[in-house]
Amino acid sequence: MTHSYDGTIRFWDVDTGQQLRTIYGHSTIIKSIAFSPDGEKIASGSGDGTVLLWKISSTQRPEDVNGDGVVNIQDLVVVANAFGEAEPDINGDGVVNIQDLVIVAQAFGE
């Protein structure tokens, strides 16, 4: 797992170097990350003054872009704010666009 200046948290396979997952939520640099004692949650603190709690799941749906375990309006906002960028590209076409937004909206409540 690494943190970055863009407010994302990225998980990596240390054996292969392959990126496994990215979670979105902070708006600026992440300054601290800590795992819960049971290893099922992490807390992240950001330069934007927020602390977010994340449930870590190997079965996270791609539509759950902020990694909180539910697909809702917060995921939709993350995707909408990333229009034209490369991530979080839900459908794999290389750019965040209206198609990604529709996929997230369709997953509400599932």
PDB file of N, CA and C in Angstrom:
ATOM      1  N   MET A   1       0.848  -1.166   0.000  1.00  0.00           N
ATOM      2  CA  MET A   1       0.000   0.000   0.000  1.00  0.00           C
ATOM      3  C   MET A   1       0.893   1.228   0.000  1.00  0.00           C
ATOM      4  N   THR A   2       0.545   2.209  -0.812  1.00  0.00           N
ATOM      5  CA  THR A   2       1.259   3.480  -0.791  1.00  0.00           C
ATOM      6  C   THR A   2       0.243   4.598  -0.748  1.00  0.00           C
ATOM      7  N   HIS A   3       0.701   5.766  -0.409  1.00  0.00           N
ATOM      8  CA  HIS A   3      -0.154   6.945  -0.477  1.00  0.00           C
ATOM      9  C   HIS A   3       0.502   7.928  -1.430  1.00  0.00           C
ATOM     10  N   SER A   4      -0.278   8.877  -1.898  1.00  0.00           N
ATOM     11  CA  SER A   4       0.248   9.769  -2.924  1.00  0.00           C
ATOM     12  C   SER A   4      -0.212  11.195  -2.693  1.00  0.00           C
ATOM     13  N   TYR A   5       0.329  12.084  -3.470  1.00  0.00           N
ATOM     14  CA  TYR A   5      -0.007  13.495  -3.358  1.00  0.00           C
ATOM     15  C   TYR A   5      -1.378  13.822  -3.926  1.00  0.00           C
ATOM     16  N   ASP A   6      -1.983  12.906  -4.674  1.00  0.00           N
ATOM     17  CA  ASP A   6      -3.282  13.187  -5.293  1.00  0.00           C
ATOM     18  C   ASP A   6      -4.465  12.758  -4.432  1.00  0.00           C
ATOM     19  N   GLY A   7      -4.226  12.359  -3.185  1.00  0.00           N
ATOM     20  CA  GLY A   7      -5.314  11.994  -2.291  1.00  0.00           C
ATOM     21  C   GLY A   7      -5.792  10.562  -2.428  1.00  0.00           C
ATOM     22  N   THR A   8      -5.072   9.737  -3.178  1.00  0.00           N
ATOM     23  CA  THR A   8      -5.462   8.340  -3.336  1.00  0.00           C
ATOM     24  C   THR A   8      -4.603   7.444  -2.451  1.00  0.00           C
ATOM     25  N   ILE A   9      -5.137   6.265  -2.172  1.00  0.00           N
ATOM     26  CA  ILE A   9      -4.385   5.217  -1.493  1.00  0.00           C
ATOM     27  C   ILE A   9      -4.312   4.064  -2.471  1.00  0.00           C
ATOM     28  N   ARG A  10      -3.114   3.576  -2.720  1.00  0.00           N
ATOM     29  CA  ARG A  10      -2.913   2.509  -3.707  1.00  0.00           C
ATOM     30  C   ARG A  10      -2.345   1.267  -3.035  1.00  0.00           C
ATOM     31  N   PHE A  11      -2.897   0.125  -3.401  1.00  0.00           N
ATOM     32  CA  PHE A  11      -2.440  -1.160  -2.884  1.00  0.00           C
ATOM     33  C   PHE A  11      -1.676  -1.879  -3.987  1.00  0.00           C
ATOM     34  N   TRP A  12      -0.548  -2.509  -3.625  1.00  0.00           N
ATOM     35  CA  TRP A  12       0.335  -3.156  -4.589  1.00  0.00           C
ATOM     36  C   TRP A  12       0.631  -4.585  -4.160  1.00  0.00           C
ATOM     37  N   ASP A  13       0.840  -5.441  -5.129  1.00  0.00           N
ATOM     38  CA  ASP A  13       1.345  -6.780  -4.882  1.00  0.00           C
ATOM     39  C   ASP A  13       2.861  -6.663  -4.806  1.00  0.00           C
ATOM     40  N   VAL A  14       3.430  -6.919  -3.652  1.00  0.00           N
ATOM     41  CA  VAL A  14       4.871  -6.703  -3.481  1.00  0.00           C
ATOM     42  C   VAL A  14       5.710  -7.700  -4.272  1.00  0.00           C
ATOM     43  N   ASP A  15       5.161  -8.854  -4.583  1.00  0.00           N
ATOM     44  CA  ASP A  15       5.911  -9.844  -5.349  1.00  0.00           C
ATOM     45  C   ASP A  15       5.995  -9.492  -6.829  1.00  0.00           C
ATOM     46  N   THR A  16       4.895  -8.990  -7.396  1.00  0.00           N
ATOM     47  CA  THR A  16       4.854  -8.718  -8.833  1.00  0.00           C
ATOM     48  C   THR A  16       5.018  -7.247  -9.184  1.00  0.00           C
ATOM     49  N   GLY A  17       4.804  -6.365  -8.197  1.00  0.00           N
ATOM     50  CA  GLY A  17       4.841  -4.932  -8.477  1.00  0.00           C
ATOM     51  C   GLY A  17       3.579  -4.422  -9.140  1.00  0.00           C
ATOM     52  N   GLN A  18       2.567  -5.281  -9.252  1.00  0.00           N
ATOM     53  CA  GLN A  18       1.310  -4.900  -9.897  1.00  0.00           C
ATOM     54  C   GLN A  18       0.415  -4.127  -8.921  1.00  0.00           C
ATOM     55  N   GLN A  19      -0.173  -3.033  -9.421  1.00  0.00           N
ATOM     56  CA  GLN A  19      -1.121  -2.288  -8.613  1.00  0.00           C
ATOM     57  C   GLN A  19      -2.418  -3.076  -8.538  1.00  0.00           C
ATOM     58  N   LEU A  20      -2.919  -3.275  -7.325  1.00  0.00           N
ATOM     59  CA  LEU A  20      -4.116  -4.078  -7.115  1.00  0.00           C
ATOM     60  C   LEU A  20      -5.382  -3.248  -7.021  1.00  0.00           C
ATOM     61  N   ARG A  21      -5.272  -2.077  -6.420  1.00  0.00           N
ATOM     62  CA  ARG A  21      -6.478  -1.320  -6.115  1.00  0.00           C
ATOM     63  C   ARG A  21      -6.110   0.115  -5.770  1.00  0.00           C
ATOM     64  N   THR A  22      -7.014   1.026  -6.062  1.00  0.00           N
ATOM     65  CA  THR A  22      -6.869   2.422  -5.670  1.00  0.00           C
ATOM     66  C   THR A  22      -8.157   2.852  -5.007  1.00  0.00           C
ATOM     67  N   ILE A  23      -8.046   3.539  -3.889  1.00  0.00           N
ATOM     68  CA  ILE A  23      -9.243   4.109  -3.273  1.00  0.00           C
ATOM     69  C   ILE A  23      -9.106   5.628  -3.245  1.00  0.00           C
ATOM     70  N   TYR A  24     -10.231   6.279  -3.432  1.00  0.00           N
ATOM     71  CA  TYR A  24     -10.300   7.724  -3.591  1.00  0.00           C
ATOM     72  C   TYR A  24     -11.140   8.322  -2.474  1.00  0.00           C
ATOM     73  N   GLY A  25     -10.814   9.529  -2.060  1.00  0.00           N
ATOM     74  CA  GLY A  25     -11.639  10.170  -1.051  1.00  0.00           C
ATOM     75  C   GLY A  25     -11.081  11.491  -0.561  1.00  0.00           C
ATOM     76  N   HIS A  26      -9.780  11.559  -0.365  1.00  0.00           N
ATOM     77  CA  HIS A  26      -9.185  12.808   0.096  1.00  0.00           C
ATOM     78  C   HIS A  26      -8.946  13.748  -1.084  1.00  0.00           C
ATOM     79  N   SER A  27      -8.872  15.029  -0.783  1.00  0.00           N
ATOM     80  CA  SER A  27      -8.662  16.006  -1.855  1.00  0.00           C
ATOM     81  C   SER A  27      -7.211  16.468  -1.955  1.00  0.00           C
ATOM     82  N   THR A  28      -6.392  16.125  -0.968  1.00  0.00           N
ATOM     83  CA  THR A  28      -4.978  16.523  -0.998  1.00  0.00           C
ATOM     84  C   THR A  28      -4.112  15.380  -0.472  1.00  0.00           C
ATOM     85  N   ILE A  29      -2.845  15.667  -0.294  1.00  0.00           N
ATOM     86  CA  ILE A  29      -1.863  14.674   0.153  1.00  0.00           C
ATOM     87  C   ILE A  29      -2.338  13.936   1.403  1.00  0.00           C
ATOM     88  N   ILE A  30      -2.081  12.642   1.411  1.00  0.00           N
ATOM     89  CA  ILE A  30      -2.373  11.823   2.578  1.00  0.00           C
ATOM     90  C   ILE A  30      -1.115  11.794   3.430  1.00  0.00           C
ATOM     91  N   LYS A  31      -1.261  12.189   4.693  1.00  0.00           N
ATOM     92  CA  LYS A  31      -0.097  12.315   5.569  1.00  0.00           C
ATOM     93  C   LYS A  31       0.104  11.117   6.482  1.00  0.00           C
ATOM     94  N   SER A  32      -0.963  10.341   6.711  1.00  0.00           N
ATOM     95  CA  SER A  32      -0.793   9.183   7.587  1.00  0.00           C
ATOM     96  C   SER A  32      -1.814   8.101   7.245  1.00  0.00           C
ATOM     97  N   ILE A  33      -1.399   6.856   7.462  1.00  0.00           N
ATOM     98  CA  ILE A  33      -2.257   5.692   7.230  1.00  0.00           C
ATOM     99  C   ILE A  33      -1.976   4.699   8.353  1.00  0.00           C
ATOM    100  N   ALA A  34      -3.045   4.104   8.905  1.00  0.00           N
ATOM    101  CA  ALA A  34      -2.870   3.092   9.944  1.00  0.00           C
ATOM    102  C   ALA A  34      -3.916   2.002   9.781  1.00  0.00           C
ATOM    103  N   PHE A  35      -3.496   0.752   9.967  1.00  0.00           N
ATOM    104  CA  PHE A  35      -4.412  -0.383   9.939  1.00  0.00           C
ATOM    105  C   PHE A  35      -5.032  -0.581  11.315  1.00  0.00           C
ATOM    106  N   SER A  36      -6.274  -1.064  11.332  1.00  0.00           N
ATOM    107  CA  SER A  36      -6.903  -1.450  12.592  1.00  0.00           C
ATOM    108  C   SER A  36      -6.237  -2.735  13.081  1.00  0.00           C
ATOM    109  N   PRO A  37      -6.353  -3.047  14.379  1.00  0.00           N
ATOM    110  CA  PRO A  37      -5.723  -4.267  14.900  1.00  0.00           C
ATOM    111  C   PRO A  37      -6.181  -5.546  14.193  1.00  0.00           C
ATOM    112  N   ASP A  38      -7.425  -5.581  13.702  1.00  0.00           N
ATOM    113  CA  ASP A  38      -7.915  -6.787  13.023  1.00  0.00           C
ATOM    114  C   ASP A  38      -7.565  -6.813  11.544  1.00  0.00           C
ATOM    115  N   GLY A  39      -6.950  -5.730  11.020  1.00  0.00           N
ATOM    116  CA  GLY A  39      -6.531  -5.673   9.627  1.00  0.00           C
ATOM    117  C   GLY A  39      -7.650  -5.485   8.630  1.00  0.00           C
ATOM    118  N   GLU A  40      -8.867  -5.218   9.098  1.00  0.00           N
ATOM    119  CA  GLU A  40     -10.017  -5.089   8.207  1.00  0.00           C
ATOM    120  C   GLU A  40     -10.355  -3.646   7.854  1.00  0.00           C
ATOM    121  N   LYS A  41      -9.706  -2.683   8.500  1.00  0.00           N
ATOM    122  CA  LYS A  41      -9.980  -1.275   8.234  1.00  0.00           C
ATOM    123  C   LYS A  41      -8.658  -0.513   8.235  1.00  0.00           C
ATOM    124  N   ILE A  42      -8.670   0.621   7.547  1.00  0.00           N
ATOM    125  CA  ILE A  42      -7.547   1.544   7.673  1.00  0.00           C
ATOM    126  C   ILE A  42      -8.111   2.931   7.942  1.00  0.00           C
ATOM    127  N   ALA A  43      -7.307   3.739   8.582  1.00  0.00           N
ATOM    128  CA  ALA A  43      -7.626   5.146   8.794  1.00  0.00           C
ATOM    129  C   ALA A  43      -6.579   5.950   8.028  1.00  0.00           C
ATOM    130  N   SER A  44      -7.029   7.000   7.360  1.00  0.00           N
ATOM    131  CA  SER A  44      -6.095   7.857   6.634  1.00  0.00           C
ATOM    132  C   SER A  44      -6.340   9.305   7.021  1.00  0.00           C
ATOM    133  N   GLY A  45      -5.245  10.006   7.238  1.00  0.00           N
ATOM    134  CA  GLY A  45      -5.313  11.423   7.570  1.00  0.00           C
ATOM    135  C   GLY A  45      -4.697  12.236   6.449  1.00  0.00           C
ATOM    136  N   SER A  46      -5.353  13.343   6.101  1.00  0.00           N
ATOM    137  CA  SER A  46      -4.936  14.116   4.939  1.00  0.00           C
ATOM    138  C   SER A  46      -4.609  15.555   5.304  1.00  0.00           C
ATOM    139  N   GLY A  47      -3.872  16.181   4.419  1.00  0.00           N
ATOM    140  CA  GLY A  47      -3.576  17.600   4.548  1.00  0.00           C
ATOM    141  C   GLY A  47      -4.809  18.479   4.453  1.00  0.00           C
ATOM    142  N   ASP A  48      -5.931  17.897   3.988  1.00  0.00           N
ATOM    143  CA  ASP A  48      -7.170  18.671   3.917  1.00  0.00           C
ATOM    144  C   ASP A  48      -7.879  18.727   5.270  1.00  0.00           C
ATOM    145  N   GLY A  49      -7.255  18.119   6.312  1.00  0.00           N
ATOM    146  CA  GLY A  49      -7.811  18.180   7.657  1.00  0.00           C
ATOM    147  C   GLY A  49      -8.812  17.082   7.976  1.00  0.00           C
ATOM    148  N   THR A  50      -8.980  16.113   7.079  1.00  0.00           N
ATOM    149  CA  THR A  50      -9.938  15.046   7.327  1.00  0.00           C
ATOM    150  C   THR A  50      -9.234  13.755   7.707  1.00  0.00           C
ATOM    151  N   VAL A  51      -9.963  12.925   8.432  1.00  0.00           N
ATOM    152  CA  VAL A  51      -9.553  11.555   8.719  1.00  0.00           C
ATOM    153  C   VAL A  51     -10.677  10.674   8.193  1.00  0.00           C
ATOM    154  N   LEU A  52     -10.338   9.727   7.330  1.00  0.00           N
ATOM    155  CA  LEU A  52     -11.337   8.832   6.760  1.00  0.00           C
ATOM    156  C   LEU A  52     -11.053   7.407   7.202  1.00  0.00           C
ATOM    157  N   LEU A  53     -12.121   6.644   7.434  1.00  0.00           N
ATOM    158  CA  LEU A  53     -12.015   5.235   7.776  1.00  0.00           C
ATOM    159  C   LEU A  53     -12.465   4.427   6.574  1.00  0.00           C
ATOM    160  N   TRP A  54     -11.721   3.378   6.258  1.00  0.00           N
ATOM    161  CA  TRP A  54     -11.982   2.559   5.075  1.00  0.00           C
ATOM    162  C   TRP A  54     -12.110   1.101   5.482  1.00  0.00           C
ATOM    163  N   LYS A  55     -13.140   0.432   4.991  1.00  0.00           N
ATOM    164  CA  LYS A  55     -13.256  -1.005   5.178  1.00  0.00           C
ATOM    165  C   LYS A  55     -12.505  -1.656   4.025  1.00  0.00           C
ATOM    166  N   ILE A  56     -11.548  -2.510   4.351  1.00  0.00           N
ATOM    167  CA  ILE A  56     -10.727  -3.157   3.332  1.00  0.00           C
ATOM    168  C   ILE A  56     -11.356  -4.495   2.993  1.00  0.00           C
ATOM    169  N   SER A  57     -11.634  -4.689   1.716  1.00  0.00           N
ATOM    170  CA  SER A  57     -12.269  -5.921   1.271  1.00  0.00           C
ATOM    171  C   SER A  57     -11.643  -6.371  -0.036  1.00  0.00           C
ATOM    172  N   SER A  58     -11.355  -7.647  -0.133  1.00  0.00           N
ATOM    173  CA  SER A  58     -10.810  -8.172  -1.384  1.00  0.00           C
ATOM    174  C   SER A  58     -11.890  -8.307  -2.446  1.00  0.00           C
ATOM    175  N   THR A  59     -13.140  -8.119  -2.048  1.00  0.00           N
ATOM    176  CA  THR A  59     -14.248  -8.255  -2.996  1.00  0.00           C
ATOM    177  C   THR A  59     -14.859  -6.907  -3.351  1.00  0.00           C
ATOM    178  N   GLN A  60     -14.104  -5.844  -3.201  1.00  0.00           N
ATOM    179  CA  GLN A  60     -14.620  -4.511  -3.498  1.00  0.00           C
ATOM    180  C   GLN A  60     -15.063  -4.413  -4.944  1.00  0.00           C
ATOM    181  N   ARG A  61     -16.243  -3.870  -5.150  1.00  0.00           N
ATOM    182  CA  ARG A  61     -16.768  -3.660  -6.495  1.00  0.00           C
ATOM    183  C   ARG A  61     -16.064  -2.471  -7.142  1.00  0.00           C
ATOM    184  N   PRO A  62     -15.826  -2.520  -8.446  1.00  0.00           N
ATOM    185  CA  PRO A  62     -15.165  -1.388  -9.107  1.00  0.00           C
ATOM    186  C   PRO A  62     -15.971  -0.095  -9.019  1.00  0.00           C
ATOM    187  N   GLU A  63     -17.299  -0.214  -8.899  1.00  0.00           N
ATOM    188  CA  GLU A  63     -18.152   0.973  -8.794  1.00  0.00           C
ATOM    189  C   GLU A  63     -17.996   1.671  -7.440  1.00  0.00           C
ATOM    190  N   ASP A  64     -17.484   0.961  -6.450  1.00  0.00           N
ATOM    191  CA  ASP A  64     -17.254   1.530  -5.120  1.00  0.00           C
ATOM    192  C   ASP A  64     -15.891   2.219  -5.128  1.00  0.00           C
ATOM    193  N   VAL A  65     -15.810   3.340  -5.834  1.00  0.00           N
ATOM    194  CA  VAL A  65     -14.518   3.973  -6.082  1.00  0.00           C
ATOM    195  C   VAL A  65     -13.867   4.552  -4.834  1.00  0.00           C
ATOM    196  N   ASN A  66     -14.642   4.869  -3.810  1.00  0.00           N
ATOM    197  CA  ASN A  66     -14.019   5.390  -2.595  1.00  0.00           C
ATOM    198  C   ASN A  66     -13.769   4.308  -1.561  1.00  0.00           C
ATOM    199  N   GLY A  67     -14.119   3.056  -1.869  1.00  0.00           N
ATOM    200  CA  GLY A  67     -13.755   1.929  -1.035  1.00  0.00           C
ATOM    201  C   GLY A  67     -14.433   1.841   0.309  1.00  0.00           C
ATOM    202  N   ASP A  68     -15.609   2.464   0.452  1.00  0.00           N
ATOM    203  CA  ASP A  68     -16.275   2.432   1.753  1.00  0.00           C
ATOM    204  C   ASP A  68     -17.264   1.278   1.912  1.00  0.00           C
ATOM    205  N   GLY A  69     -17.332   0.393   0.924  1.00  0.00           N
ATOM    206  CA  GLY A  69     -18.178  -0.786   1.030  1.00  0.00           C
ATOM    207  C   GLY A  69     -19.583  -0.627   0.498  1.00  0.00           C
ATOM    208  N   VAL A  70     -19.925   0.545  -0.008  1.00  0.00           N
ATOM    209  CA  VAL A  70     -21.261   0.785  -0.558  1.00  0.00           C
ATOM    210  C   VAL A  70     -21.145   1.701  -1.774  1.00  0.00           C
ATOM    211  N   VAL A  71     -21.964   1.444  -2.782  1.00  0.00           N
ATOM    212  CA  VAL A  71     -21.984   2.305  -3.962  1.00  0.00           C
ATOM    213  C   VAL A  71     -23.096   3.329  -3.742  1.00  0.00           C
ATOM    214  N   ASN A  72     -22.708   4.604  -3.687  1.00  0.00           N
ATOM    215  CA  ASN A  72     -23.682   5.655  -3.405  1.00  0.00           C
ATOM    216  C   ASN A  72     -23.259   6.974  -4.057  1.00  0.00           C
ATOM    217  N   ILE A  73     -23.896   8.051  -3.649  1.00  0.00           N
ATOM    218  CA  ILE A  73     -23.664   9.364  -4.259  1.00  0.00           C
ATOM    219  C   ILE A  73     -22.211   9.811  -4.099  1.00  0.00           C
ATOM    220  N   GLN A  74     -21.542   9.380  -3.046  1.00  0.00           N
ATOM    221  CA  GLN A  74     -20.140   9.766  -2.856  1.00  0.00           C
ATOM    222  C   GLN A  74     -19.260   9.208  -3.973  1.00  0.00           C
ATOM    223  N   ASP A  75     -19.546   7.989  -4.402  1.00  0.00           N
ATOM    224  CA  ASP A  75     -18.800   7.406  -5.517  1.00  0.00           C
ATOM    225  C   ASP A  75     -19.084   8.166  -6.806  1.00  0.00           C
ATOM    226  N   LEU A  76     -20.335   8.552  -6.986  1.00  0.00           N
ATOM    227  CA  LEU A  76     -20.734   9.308  -8.169  1.00  0.00           C
ATOM    228  C   LEU A  76     -19.995  10.647  -8.229  1.00  0.00           C
ATOM    229  N   VAL A  77     -19.856  11.300  -7.089  1.00  0.00           N
ATOM    230  CA  VAL A  77     -19.154  12.589  -7.030  1.00  0.00           C
ATOM    231  C   VAL A  77     -17.678  12.419  -7.382  1.00  0.00           C
ATOM    232  N   VAL A  78     -17.043  11.354  -6.875  1.00  0.00           N
ATOM    233  CA  VAL A  78     -15.630  11.109  -7.192  1.00  0.00           C
ATOM    234  C   VAL A  78     -15.451  10.953  -8.700  1.00  0.00           C
ATOM    235  N   VAL A  79     -16.327  10.165  -9.319  1.00  0.00           N
ATOM    236  CA  VAL A  79     -16.238   9.944 -10.763  1.00  0.00           C
ATOM    237  C   VAL A  79     -16.507  11.247 -11.520  1.00  0.00           C
ATOM    238  N   ALA A  80     -17.524  11.979 -11.130  1.00  0.00           N
ATOM    239  CA  ALA A  80     -17.859  13.236 -11.810  1.00  0.00           C
ATOM    240  C   ALA A  80     -16.708  14.237 -11.722  1.00  0.00           C
ATOM    241  N   ASN A  81     -16.034  14.277 -10.588  1.00  0.00           N
ATOM    242  CA  ASN A  81     -14.907  15.203 -10.412  1.00  0.00           C
ATOM    243  C   ASN A  81     -13.676  14.808 -11.207  1.00  0.00           C
ATOM    244  N   ALA A  82     -13.650  13.566 -11.701  1.00  0.00           N
ATOM    245  CA  ALA A  82     -12.486  13.070 -12.432  1.00  0.00           C
ATOM    246  C   ALA A  82     -12.709  13.028 -13.946  1.00  0.00           C
ATOM    247  N   PHE A  83     -13.775  13.639 -14.450  1.00  0.00           N
ATOM    248  CA  PHE A  83     -14.041  13.622 -15.896  1.00  0.00           C
ATOM    249  C   PHE A  83     -12.798  14.039 -16.676  1.00  0.00           C
ATOM    250  N   GLY A  84     -12.477  13.258 -17.710  1.00  0.00           N
ATOM    251  CA  GLY A  84     -11.341  13.556 -18.572  1.00  0.00           C
ATOM    252  C   GLY A  84     -10.021  13.003 -18.080  1.00  0.00           C
ATOM    253  N   GLU A  85      -9.982  12.493 -16.865  1.00  0.00           N
ATOM    254  CA  GLU A  85      -8.746  11.936 -16.313  1.00  0.00           C
ATOM    255  C   GLU A  85      -8.676  10.435 -16.605  1.00  0.00           C
ATOM    256  N   ALA A  86      -7.585   9.814 -16.223  1.00  0.00           N
ATOM    257  CA  ALA A  86      -7.395   8.382 -16.479  1.00  0.00           C
ATOM    258  C   ALA A  86      -7.996   7.499 -15.389  1.00  0.00           C
ATOM    259  N   GLU A  87      -8.151   8.004 -14.187  1.00  0.00           N
ATOM    260  CA  GLU A  87      -8.668   7.225 -13.051  1.00  0.00           C
ATOM    261  C   GLU A  87      -9.700   8.050 -12.300  1.00  0.00           C
ATOM    262  N   PRO A  88     -10.738   7.442 -11.759  1.00  0.00           N
ATOM    263  CA  PRO A  88     -11.094   6.031 -11.738  1.00  0.00           C
ATOM    264  C   PRO A  88     -11.905   5.638 -12.979  1.00  0.00           C
ATOM    265  N   ASP A  89     -11.269   4.994 -13.897  1.00  0.00           N
ATOM    266  CA  ASP A  89     -11.905   4.554 -15.145  1.00  0.00           C
ATOM    267  C   ASP A  89     -12.617   3.227 -14.892  1.00  0.00           C
ATOM    268  N   ILE A  90     -13.911   3.254 -14.719  1.00  0.00           N
ATOM    269  CA  ILE A  90     -14.680   2.074 -14.324  1.00  0.00           C
ATOM    270  C   ILE A  90     -14.788   1.057 -15.464  1.00  0.00           C
ATOM    271  N   ASN A  91     -15.020   1.529 -16.686  1.00  0.00           N
ATOM    272  CA  ASN A  91     -15.251   0.593 -17.798  1.00  0.00           C
ATOM    273  C   ASN A  91     -13.982   0.233 -18.578  1.00  0.00           C
ATOM    274  N   GLY A  92     -12.849   0.770 -18.205  1.00  0.00           N
ATOM    275  CA  GLY A  92     -11.587   0.369 -18.807  1.00  0.00           C
ATOM    276  C   GLY A  92     -11.293   0.934 -20.185  1.00  0.00           C
ATOM    277  N   ASP A  93     -11.963   2.028 -20.562  1.00  0.00           N
ATOM    278  CA  ASP A  93     -11.703   2.599 -21.888  1.00  0.00           C
ATOM    279  C   ASP A  93     -10.600   3.662 -21.877  1.00  0.00           C
ATOM    280  N   GLY A  94      -9.975   3.871 -20.717  1.00  0.00           N
ATOM    281  CA  GLY A  94      -8.825   4.763 -20.641  1.00  0.00           C
ATOM    282  C   GLY A  94      -9.116   6.177 -20.207  1.00  0.00           C
ATOM    283  N   VAL A  95     -10.393   6.527 -20.042  1.00  0.00           N
ATOM    284  CA  VAL A  95     -10.739   7.884 -19.634  1.00  0.00           C
ATOM    285  C   VAL A  95     -12.021   7.855 -18.802  1.00  0.00           C
ATOM    286  N   VAL A  96     -12.095   8.743 -17.821  1.00  0.00           N
ATOM    287  CA  VAL A  96     -13.306   8.870 -17.017  1.00  0.00           C
ATOM    288  C   VAL A  96     -14.284   9.740 -17.797  1.00  0.00           C
ATOM    289  N   ASN A  97     -15.463   9.184 -18.073  1.00  0.00           N
ATOM    290  CA  ASN A  97     -16.468   9.897 -18.863  1.00  0.00           C
ATOM    291  C   ASN A  97     -17.873   9.538 -18.402  1.00  0.00           C
ATOM    292  N   ILE A  98     -18.863   9.959 -19.160  1.00  0.00           N
ATOM    293  CA  ILE A  98     -20.264   9.741 -18.787  1.00  0.00           C
ATOM    294  C   ILE A  98     -20.594   8.259 -18.663  1.00  0.00           C
ATOM    295  N   GLN A  99     -19.935   7.424 -19.430  1.00  0.00           N
ATOM    296  CA  GLN A  99     -20.194   5.985 -19.329  1.00  0.00           C
ATOM    297  C   GLN A  99     -19.822   5.456 -17.952  1.00  0.00           C
ATOM    298  N   ASP A 100     -18.727   5.924 -17.402  1.00  0.00           N
ATOM    299  CA  ASP A 100     -18.336   5.517 -16.051  1.00  0.00           C
ATOM    300  C   ASP A 100     -19.356   6.010 -15.025  1.00  0.00           C
ATOM    301  N   LEU A 101     -19.817   7.226 -15.218  1.00  0.00           N
ATOM    302  CA  LEU A 101     -20.818   7.799 -14.316  1.00  0.00           C
ATOM    303  C   LEU A 101     -22.097   6.968 -14.328  1.00  0.00           C
ATOM    304  N   VAL A 102     -22.530   6.551 -15.499  1.00  0.00           N
ATOM    305  CA  VAL A 102     -23.748   5.738 -15.629  1.00  0.00           C
ATOM    306  C   VAL A 102     -23.563   4.383 -14.950  1.00  0.00           C
ATOM    307  N   ILE A 103     -22.406   3.778 -15.103  1.00  0.00           N
ATOM    308  CA  ILE A 103     -22.142   2.472 -14.474  1.00  0.00           C
ATOM    309  C   ILE A 103     -22.248   2.592 -12.956  1.00  0.00           C
ATOM    310  N   VAL A 104     -21.672   3.634 -12.391  1.00  0.00           N
ATOM    311  CA  VAL A 104     -21.754   3.827 -10.938  1.00  0.00           C
ATOM    312  C   VAL A 104     -23.186   4.088 -10.515  1.00  0.00           C
ATOM    313  N   ALA A 105     -23.899   4.929 -11.251  1.00  0.00           N
ATOM    314  CA  ALA A 105     -25.295   5.227 -10.910  1.00  0.00           C
ATOM    315  C   ALA A 105     -26.163   3.973 -10.949  1.00  0.00           C
ATOM    316  N   GLN A 106     -25.935   3.106 -11.898  1.00  0.00           N
ATOM    317  CA  GLN A 106     -26.711   1.878 -12.022  1.00  0.00           C
ATOM    318  C   GLN A 106     -26.447   0.911 -10.875  1.00  0.00           C
ATOM    319  N   ALA A 107     -25.302   1.050 -10.234  1.00  0.00           N
ATOM    320  CA  ALA A 107     -24.936   0.131  -9.142  1.00  0.00           C
ATOM    321  C   ALA A 107     -25.435   0.590  -7.785  1.00  0.00           C
ATOM    322  N   PHE A 108     -26.097   1.736  -7.703  1.00  0.00           N
ATOM    323  CA  PHE A 108     -26.637   2.212  -6.429  1.00  0.00           C
ATOM    324  C   PHE A 108     -27.502   1.140  -5.795  1.00  0.00           C
ATOM    325  N   GLY A 109     -27.276   0.910  -4.513  1.00  0.00           N
ATOM    326  CA  GLY A 109     -28.129   0.002  -3.758  1.00  0.00           C
ATOM    327  C   GLY A 109     -27.840  -1.474  -3.935  1.00  0.00           C
ATOM    328  N   GLU A 110     -26.897  -1.835  -4.776  1.00  0.00           N
ATOM    329  CA  GLU A 110     -26.589  -3.259  -4.980  1.00  0.00           C
ATOM    330  C   GLU A 110     -25.605  -3.742  -3.932  1.00  0.00           C
TER     331      GLU A 110
END
